[in-house]
Amino acid sequence: MKAKWLNIGMGGLLAAGIAISTGSVVSDAMAAPPAKKEAPAAAFPPMTTRPITLSFPGIVFGMPPEKVASSIDTIIDNDYKPKYKEVSPGVNMRALDAEVAEKKAEFRRSRIDFGKLPTGVDASPLRGEYSYNNQESMMTLARNGENIEFFFIQNRLWKMIGEHHLSDTSSYGKDFQASVVKFSSINGVAGRLLQPDNTTRFAVEVDWKDANNHLRIIQRSDTWIGVALEDIGTWQALPSLRPNKPAADNGIDPTVAGALRKEEPPPGPPEKKPPPKKK
């Protein structure tokens, strides 16, 4: 099997010669039905027994968007090599050249900067993966029917999320629980189960860490998962890297709230109280 994007997935680890152990290390939280009252999650994710390695060719954490785009160009060129072998020089090859150029341009156009204005990403499963007005941005690569998102903070790559389809034939498992079991086996320890908090986490997650990386498996649906890999130093420093916090949301659009305030009548004079009765 070949890695689809990271050497942390089932395919990537098998391709690297690391076999899944026959005795599965099942996440305690996934192995049995949850109790009525759930115990609080551990303060930190468990440490894996093997290093988590990023093996997307030519891409390392800390890269600026321009260098990531250059590495993506090479990946796209390699993806199209089989097609070029089947095409003769002429019209069809020029059409293929144009397709490759468009694919590279598409990745560069995908950049979204999270400045002061809201974006459409807020309505996607990626909400909570970024903040506004803190020099953050995102780029997306569509590859092999799946998306890979690249997240930057202060112009440096710090997180990648691969969106993977689950099925009976998927190397990631047939469903979320099966995926957690496989990742727990590979990482050598049960992951930490995290419930949604509806602020920065909007789905069930299971996570692990090693000395350099933070790995999260995110439940997207019955048939999809997100696999997030983060630079652990950046992840731990997020509170200081995100000094600008979102305004308190009281459920009312600011424009509507302003209009309501304008329509409110000005307060009248203070009510006069009668003088006290003489004894």
Foldseek 3Di string as FASTA:
>chain_A
DDDPFFCLFLRNVVVVVNDQDPDWAAAPPLPDDADPDHDDWDPDKAAFPDAGGGPRPQDDWFAFPVSVLVSVLVVLVVVCVVVVVVDDPDDVVVVVVVVSVVLSVQQVVQKDWQEDDDDPCCVPQCALVDHYRLQKMKTWHCDPNWIKIFIDGPRTTFKIKTKDWAPCPDSCHNFDSRNQRRSCRSRVHRFIWDQAPVPNRDFIWTWYDHPFWIWIWGHPDGTIIMIMIGGVVCVVCVCVSCVDDDDDCPPDDPVVVVVVVVPDDDDDDDDDDDDDDDD
